[in-house]
Amino acid sequence: MNSTPTASPAATPPRALQRVAVYCASNDGARPSYVAKARALGTLLAERGIAVVYGGGRTGLMGALADAALAAGGEVIGVMPHGLVEREVAHHGLTALHVVDSMHERKAMIAELADAFVTMPGGIGTLEEFFETWTWANLGVHRKPIGLLDTDGFWTPLMTLLGQLESEGFLRGTPRDWLVRDDDPVRLLEALHAFDGPVVRRWLRLGET
């Protein structure tokens, strides 16, 4: 599967990615490939000297991602609300764990810390994080690249839906104007480096979301 940046690496200077936010599930999912890709992504980011920013969990794809990055000597930063920490789902072996008051604060801090975003397979929480981050890009809150790690074609139905939104006049621009998608972590990371997103009018700032 080919990634879909709007500009090639030759045309756009590589962006400096020091921290990448990863949205993913707190369970393993139905296929072993989901956990395998989470581990591969965590290892890759650590080997490239890029810190992982994520929701701070120790289970599922979240835990696999964090543990792999830590095992490879990487920096892993978690952000989690008090309520979830108290339920003992927090990963306490991270480089840093920021404990905040609410889910809203969690998402805002992750977005502020990250230079780019990767969404892996997950449930409604993962989808909600992805869509909010993407909405912020559409509103001009940020121009940070947003990637979909398309393990086993997981995101194909989403791209079909986005195409439908576009054809029905509910989506400005095409999905590929805003997103990069690939099933290979290395190619996805390279596409995030090269991505040059559309310039849109700034409607809001992060604190106004």
C-alpha atoms as a PDB file:
ATOM      1  CA  MET A   1       0.000   0.000   0.000  1.00  0.00           C
ATOM      2  CA  ASN A   2       1.350   3.404  -0.913  1.00  0.00           C
ATOM      3  CA  SER A   3       1.341   6.283   1.540  1.00  0.00           C
ATOM      4  CA  THR A   4      -0.415   9.450   0.480  1.00  0.00           C
ATOM      5  CA  PRO A   5       1.442  12.649   1.379  1.00  0.00           C
ATOM      6  CA  THR A   6       0.521  15.764  -0.570  1.00  0.00           C
ATOM      7  CA  ALA A   7       4.109  16.488  -1.467  1.00  0.00           C
ATOM      8  CA  SER A   8       7.088  14.275  -2.147  1.00  0.00           C
ATOM      9  CA  PRO A   9      10.166  14.299   0.083  1.00  0.00           C
ATOM     10  CA  ALA A  10      12.101  15.939  -2.749  1.00  0.00           C
ATOM     11  CA  ALA A  11       9.667  18.850  -2.887  1.00  0.00           C
ATOM     12  CA  THR A  12       9.227  19.414   0.843  1.00  0.00           C
ATOM     13  CA  PRO A  13      12.017  19.695   3.449  1.00  0.00           C
ATOM     14  CA  PRO A  14      11.704  16.936   6.064  1.00  0.00           C
ATOM     15  CA  ARG A  15       9.975  18.157   9.202  1.00  0.00           C
ATOM     16  CA  ALA A  16      11.711  17.622  12.523  1.00  0.00           C
ATOM     17  CA  LEU A  17       9.768  15.001  14.448  1.00  0.00           C
ATOM     18  CA  GLN A  18      10.900  14.875  18.047  1.00  0.00           C
ATOM     19  CA  ARG A  19       7.690  13.434  19.493  1.00  0.00           C
ATOM     20  CA  VAL A  20       4.946  11.416  17.825  1.00  0.00           C
ATOM     21  CA  ALA A  21       1.566  10.900  19.467  1.00  0.00           C
ATOM     22  CA  VAL A  22       0.091   7.450  18.979  1.00  0.00           C
ATOM     23  CA  TYR A  23      -3.612   6.707  19.415  1.00  0.00           C
ATOM     24  CA  CYS A  24      -4.389   3.021  19.887  1.00  0.00           C
ATOM     25  CA  ALA A  25      -6.476   0.496  21.796  1.00  0.00           C
ATOM     26  CA  SER A  26      -6.160  -0.577  25.413  1.00  0.00           C
ATOM     27  CA  ASN A  27      -6.832  -4.175  24.341  1.00  0.00           C
ATOM     28  CA  ASP A  28      -5.092  -6.489  21.874  1.00  0.00           C
ATOM     29  CA  GLY A  29      -7.823  -6.719  19.241  1.00  0.00           C
ATOM     30  CA  ALA A  30      -8.731  -9.832  17.300  1.00  0.00           C
ATOM     31  CA  ARG A  31      -5.541 -10.245  15.250  1.00  0.00           C
ATOM     32  CA  PRO A  32      -1.954 -10.867  16.418  1.00  0.00           C
ATOM     33  CA  SER A  33      -0.810  -8.419  13.717  1.00  0.00           C
ATOM     34  CA  TYR A  34      -2.227  -5.492  15.700  1.00  0.00           C
ATOM     35  CA  VAL A  35       0.083  -6.128  18.657  1.00  0.00           C
ATOM     36  CA  ALA A  36       2.983  -6.904  16.327  1.00  0.00           C
ATOM     37  CA  LYS A  37       2.596  -3.562  14.527  1.00  0.00           C
ATOM     38  CA  ALA A  38       2.321  -1.696  17.834  1.00  0.00           C
ATOM     39  CA  ARG A  39       5.613  -3.218  18.930  1.00  0.00           C
ATOM     40  CA  ALA A  40       7.204  -2.495  15.558  1.00  0.00           C
ATOM     41  CA  LEU A  41       6.131   1.144  15.707  1.00  0.00           C
ATOM     42  CA  GLY A  42       7.387   1.584  19.271  1.00  0.00           C
ATOM     43  CA  THR A  43      10.754   0.074  18.368  1.00  0.00           C
ATOM     44  CA  LEU A  44      11.047   2.154  15.206  1.00  0.00           C
ATOM     45  CA  LEU A  45      10.343   5.438  16.963  1.00  0.00           C
ATOM     46  CA  ALA A  46      12.870   4.653  19.688  1.00  0.00           C
ATOM     47  CA  GLU A  47      15.535   3.692  17.138  1.00  0.00           C
ATOM     48  CA  ARG A  48      14.932   6.974  15.281  1.00  0.00           C
ATOM     49  CA  GLY A  49      15.295   8.968  18.490  1.00  0.00           C
ATOM     50  CA  ILE A  50      11.625  10.018  18.429  1.00  0.00           C
ATOM     51  CA  ALA A  51       9.715  10.040  21.697  1.00  0.00           C
ATOM     52  CA  VAL A  52       6.342   8.315  21.972  1.00  0.00           C
ATOM     53  CA  VAL A  53       3.465  10.344  23.408  1.00  0.00           C
ATOM     54  CA  TYR A  54       0.358   8.301  24.198  1.00  0.00           C
ATOM     55  CA  GLY A  55      -2.473   7.773  26.642  1.00  0.00           C
ATOM     56  CA  GLY A  56      -0.326   6.195  29.365  1.00  0.00           C
ATOM     57  CA  GLY A  57      -1.907   2.735  29.525  1.00  0.00           C
ATOM     58  CA  ARG A  58      -0.126  -0.532  30.261  1.00  0.00           C
ATOM     59  CA  THR A  59      -2.518  -2.951  28.507  1.00  0.00           C
ATOM     60  CA  GLY A  60      -3.364  -3.864  24.930  1.00  0.00           C
ATOM     61  CA  LEU A  61      -1.771  -2.071  21.989  1.00  0.00           C
ATOM     62  CA  MET A  62      -0.933   0.842  24.284  1.00  0.00           C
ATOM     63  CA  GLY A  63       1.162  -1.359  26.532  1.00  0.00           C
ATOM     64  CA  ALA A  64       2.808  -3.174  23.609  1.00  0.00           C
ATOM     65  CA  LEU A  65       3.770   0.152  21.999  1.00  0.00           C
ATOM     66  CA  ALA A  66       5.205   1.592  25.219  1.00  0.00           C
ATOM     67  CA  ASP A  67       7.067  -1.549  26.277  1.00  0.00           C
ATOM     68  CA  ALA A  68       8.684  -1.945  22.852  1.00  0.00           C
ATOM     69  CA  ALA A  69       9.834   1.666  22.759  1.00  0.00           C
ATOM     70  CA  LEU A  70      11.226   1.462  26.293  1.00  0.00           C
ATOM     71  CA  ALA A  71      13.010  -1.824  25.544  1.00  0.00           C
ATOM     72  CA  ALA A  72      14.696  -0.133  22.568  1.00  0.00           C
ATOM     73  CA  GLY A  73      15.916   2.698  24.779  1.00  0.00           C
ATOM     74  CA  GLY A  74      13.297   5.223  23.724  1.00  0.00           C
ATOM     75  CA  GLU A  75      11.485   7.978  25.587  1.00  0.00           C
ATOM     76  CA  VAL A  76       7.811   7.319  26.327  1.00  0.00           C
ATOM     77  CA  ILE A  77       5.513  10.003  27.713  1.00  0.00           C
ATOM     78  CA  GLY A  78       2.064   9.076  28.979  1.00  0.00           C
ATOM     79  CA  VAL A  79      -0.873  11.366  29.686  1.00  0.00           C
ATOM     80  CA  MET A  80      -3.781  10.014  31.733  1.00  0.00           C
ATOM     81  CA  PRO A  81      -6.674  11.394  33.812  1.00  0.00           C
ATOM     82  CA  HIS A  82      -6.733  10.772  37.575  1.00  0.00           C
ATOM     83  CA  GLY A  83      -9.734   8.457  37.317  1.00  0.00           C
ATOM     84  CA  LEU A  84      -7.976   5.992  35.036  1.00  0.00           C
ATOM     85  CA  VAL A  85      -4.770   6.031  37.073  1.00  0.00           C
ATOM     86  CA  GLU A  86      -6.778   5.162  40.186  1.00  0.00           C
ATOM     87  CA  ARG A  87      -8.208   2.133  38.374  1.00  0.00           C
ATOM     88  CA  GLU A  88      -4.646   0.827  38.002  1.00  0.00           C
ATOM     89  CA  VAL A  89      -4.482   0.925  34.222  1.00  0.00           C
ATOM     90  CA  ALA A  90      -1.537   3.368  34.126  1.00  0.00           C
ATOM     91  CA  HIS A  91       1.911   2.281  32.999  1.00  0.00           C
ATOM     92  CA  HIS A  92       4.268   3.224  35.839  1.00  0.00           C
ATOM     93  CA  GLY A  93       7.505   2.400  34.032  1.00  0.00           C
ATOM     94  CA  LEU A  94       7.388   5.307  31.587  1.00  0.00           C
ATOM     95  CA  THR A  95       9.899   8.089  31.104  1.00  0.00           C
ATOM     96  CA  ALA A  96       7.170  10.461  32.296  1.00  0.00           C
ATOM     97  CA  LEU A  97       3.511  10.093  33.226  1.00  0.00           C
ATOM     98  CA  HIS A  98       1.463  13.298  33.301  1.00  0.00           C
ATOM     99  CA  VAL A  99      -1.673  12.939  35.409  1.00  0.00           C
ATOM    100  CA  VAL A 100      -4.399  15.420  34.437  1.00  0.00           C
ATOM    101  CA  ASP A 101      -7.914  16.180  35.600  1.00  0.00           C
ATOM    102  CA  SER A 102      -9.971  15.220  32.542  1.00  0.00           C
ATOM    103  CA  MET A 103     -10.045  13.544  29.139  1.00  0.00           C
ATOM    104  CA  HIS A 104     -10.177  16.999  27.549  1.00  0.00           C
ATOM    105  CA  GLU A 105      -6.927  17.977  29.270  1.00  0.00           C
ATOM    106  CA  ARG A 106      -5.393  14.681  28.249  1.00  0.00           C
ATOM    107  CA  LYS A 107      -6.093  15.229  24.554  1.00  0.00           C
ATOM    108  CA  ALA A 108      -4.971  18.850  24.657  1.00  0.00           C
ATOM    109  CA  MET A 109      -1.660  17.938  26.327  1.00  0.00           C
ATOM    110  CA  ILE A 110      -0.973  15.091  23.904  1.00  0.00           C
ATOM    111  CA  ALA A 111      -1.647  17.409  20.974  1.00  0.00           C
ATOM    112  CA  GLU A 112       0.599  20.093  22.401  1.00  0.00           C
ATOM    113  CA  LEU A 113       3.481  17.714  23.075  1.00  0.00           C
ATOM    114  CA  ALA A 114       3.377  15.973  19.686  1.00  0.00           C
ATOM    115  CA  ASP A 115       4.870  16.976  16.336  1.00  0.00           C
ATOM    116  CA  ALA A 116       2.761  14.394  14.475  1.00  0.00           C
ATOM    117  CA  PHE A 117       0.035  11.841  15.120  1.00  0.00           C
ATOM    118  CA  VAL A 118      -0.350   8.154  14.271  1.00  0.00           C
ATOM    119  CA  THR A 119      -3.640   6.326  14.730  1.00  0.00           C
ATOM    120  CA  MET A 120      -3.535   2.556  15.019  1.00  0.00           C
ATOM    121  CA  PRO A 121      -6.502   0.172  15.101  1.00  0.00           C
ATOM    122  CA  GLY A 122      -8.765   0.749  18.082  1.00  0.00           C
ATOM    123  CA  GLY A 123     -12.297   1.330  19.273  1.00  0.00           C
ATOM    124  CA  ILE A 124     -14.494   4.356  19.801  1.00  0.00           C
ATOM    125  CA  GLY A 125     -11.965   6.081  22.063  1.00  0.00           C
ATOM    126  CA  THR A 126      -9.260   5.793  19.418  1.00  0.00           C
ATOM    127  CA  LEU A 127     -11.652   7.026  16.737  1.00  0.00           C
ATOM    128  CA  GLU A 128     -12.698   9.954  18.909  1.00  0.00           C
ATOM    129  CA  GLU A 129      -9.068  10.991  19.433  1.00  0.00           C
ATOM    130  CA  PHE A 130      -8.337  10.709  15.722  1.00  0.00           C
ATOM    131  CA  PHE A 131     -11.368  12.706  14.638  1.00  0.00           C
ATOM    132  CA  GLU A 132     -10.798  15.473  17.151  1.00  0.00           C
ATOM    133  CA  THR A 133      -7.160  15.840  16.100  1.00  0.00           C
ATOM    134  CA  TRP A 134      -8.183  15.883  12.444  1.00  0.00           C
ATOM    135  CA  THR A 135     -10.974  18.382  13.140  1.00  0.00           C
ATOM    136  CA  TRP A 136      -8.431  20.678  14.788  1.00  0.00           C
ATOM    137  CA  ALA A 137      -6.341  20.516  11.592  1.00  0.00           C
ATOM    138  CA  ASN A 138      -9.396  21.461   9.525  1.00  0.00           C
ATOM    139  CA  LEU A 139      -9.990  24.426  11.844  1.00  0.00           C
ATOM    140  CA  GLY A 140      -6.401  25.601  11.536  1.00  0.00           C
ATOM    141  CA  VAL A 141      -5.547  24.819  15.151  1.00  0.00           C
ATOM    142  CA  HIS A 142      -2.448  22.957  13.936  1.00  0.00           C
ATOM    143  CA  ARG A 143      -0.767  21.798  10.715  1.00  0.00           C
ATOM    144  CA  LYS A 144       0.815  18.694  12.208  1.00  0.00           C
ATOM    145  CA  PRO A 145       0.710  15.557  10.035  1.00  0.00           C
ATOM    146  CA  ILE A 146      -1.802  12.833  10.875  1.00  0.00           C
ATOM    147  CA  GLY A 147      -1.126   9.235   9.918  1.00  0.00           C
ATOM    148  CA  LEU A 148      -3.149   6.034   9.844  1.00  0.00           C
ATOM    149  CA  LEU A 149      -1.202   2.808  10.392  1.00  0.00           C
ATOM    150  CA  ASP A 150      -3.348   0.623   8.178  1.00  0.00           C
ATOM    151  CA  THR A 151      -2.716  -2.834   9.629  1.00  0.00           C
ATOM    152  CA  ASP A 152      -4.438  -5.498   7.489  1.00  0.00           C
ATOM    153  CA  GLY A 153      -6.519  -2.837   5.740  1.00  0.00           C
ATOM    154  CA  PHE A 154      -8.187  -1.787   8.995  1.00  0.00           C
ATOM    155  CA  TRP A 155      -8.762   1.793   7.819  1.00  0.00           C
ATOM    156  CA  THR A 156     -10.139   0.979   4.343  1.00  0.00           C
ATOM    157  CA  PRO A 157     -13.802   1.360   5.456  1.00  0.00           C
ATOM    158  CA  LEU A 158     -12.966   4.733   7.019  1.00  0.00           C
ATOM    159  CA  MET A 159     -11.435   5.988   3.777  1.00  0.00           C
ATOM    160  CA  THR A 160     -14.545   4.842   1.928  1.00  0.00           C
ATOM    161  CA  LEU A 161     -16.696   6.808   4.379  1.00  0.00           C
ATOM    162  CA  LEU A 162     -14.514   9.902   3.995  1.00  0.00           C
ATOM    163  CA  GLY A 163     -14.871   9.624   0.227  1.00  0.00           C
ATOM    164  CA  GLN A 164     -18.638   9.532   0.709  1.00  0.00           C
ATOM    165  CA  LEU A 165     -18.524  12.639   2.921  1.00  0.00           C
ATOM    166  CA  GLU A 166     -16.543  14.410   0.215  1.00  0.00           C
ATOM    167  CA  SER A 167     -18.853  13.386  -2.619  1.00  0.00           C
ATOM    168  CA  GLU A 168     -21.895  14.530  -0.640  1.00  0.00           C
ATOM    169  CA  GLY A 169     -20.345  17.935   0.023  1.00  0.00           C
ATOM    170  CA  PHE A 170     -19.682  17.510   3.752  1.00  0.00           C
ATOM    171  CA  LEU A 171     -15.877  17.416   3.597  1.00  0.00           C
ATOM    172  CA  ARG A 172     -13.638  20.170   2.272  1.00  0.00           C
ATOM    173  CA  GLY A 173     -10.828  18.736   0.184  1.00  0.00           C
ATOM    174  CA  THR A 174     -10.083  15.068  -0.290  1.00  0.00           C
ATOM    175  CA  PRO A 175      -9.017  12.724   2.518  1.00  0.00           C
ATOM    176  CA  ARG A 176      -5.532  12.432   1.068  1.00  0.00           C
ATOM    177  CA  ASP A 177      -5.065  16.201   1.416  1.00  0.00           C
ATOM    178  CA  TRP A 178      -5.023  15.777   5.182  1.00  0.00           C
ATOM    179  CA  LEU A 179      -3.922  12.244   5.991  1.00  0.00           C
ATOM    180  CA  VAL A 180      -1.113   9.827   5.287  1.00  0.00           C
ATOM    181  CA  ARG A 181      -1.872   6.124   5.349  1.00  0.00           C
ATOM    182  CA  ASP A 182       0.332   3.065   5.085  1.00  0.00           C
ATOM    183  CA  ASP A 183       0.515  -0.463   6.471  1.00  0.00           C
ATOM    184  CA  ASP A 184       4.270  -0.214   7.021  1.00  0.00           C
ATOM    185  CA  PRO A 185       5.562   1.814  10.010  1.00  0.00           C
ATOM    186  CA  VAL A 186       8.782   2.830   8.235  1.00  0.00           C
ATOM    187  CA  ARG A 187       7.018   4.179   5.155  1.00  0.00           C
ATOM    188  CA  LEU A 188       4.379   5.866   7.312  1.00  0.00           C
ATOM    189  CA  LEU A 189       7.023   7.641   9.376  1.00  0.00           C
ATOM    190  CA  GLU A 190       8.815   8.795   6.217  1.00  0.00           C
ATOM    191  CA  ALA A 191       5.519  10.147   4.875  1.00  0.00           C
ATOM    192  CA  LEU A 192       4.904  12.037   8.100  1.00  0.00           C
ATOM    193  CA  HIS A 193       8.355  13.597   7.778  1.00  0.00           C
ATOM    194  CA  ALA A 194       7.571  14.712   4.221  1.00  0.00           C
ATOM    195  CA  PHE A 195       3.967  15.803   4.721  1.00  0.00           C
ATOM    196  CA  ASP A 196       3.029  19.375   3.845  1.00  0.00           C
ATOM    197  CA  GLY A 197      -0.613  19.884   4.767  1.00  0.00           C
ATOM    198  CA  PRO A 198      -3.042  22.385   3.303  1.00  0.00           C
ATOM    199  CA  VAL A 199      -3.015  25.911   4.659  1.00  0.00           C
ATOM    200  CA  VAL A 200      -6.418  26.828   6.073  1.00  0.00           C
ATOM    201  CA  ARG A 201      -7.805  29.853   7.835  1.00  0.00           C
ATOM    202  CA  ARG A 202      -7.279  29.627  11.594  1.00  0.00           C
ATOM    203  CA  TRP A 203     -10.700  29.487  13.210  1.00  0.00           C
ATOM    204  CA  LEU A 204      -9.605  28.521  16.732  1.00  0.00           C
ATOM    205  CA  ARG A 205      -6.546  28.127  18.901  1.00  0.00           C
ATOM    206  CA  LEU A 206      -5.870  25.012  20.946  1.00  0.00           C
ATOM    207  CA  GLY A 207      -7.126  26.563  24.194  1.00  0.00           C
ATOM    208  CA  GLU A 208     -10.434  27.436  22.495  1.00  0.00           C
ATOM    209  CA  THR A 209     -11.245  23.883  21.420  1.00  0.00           C
END
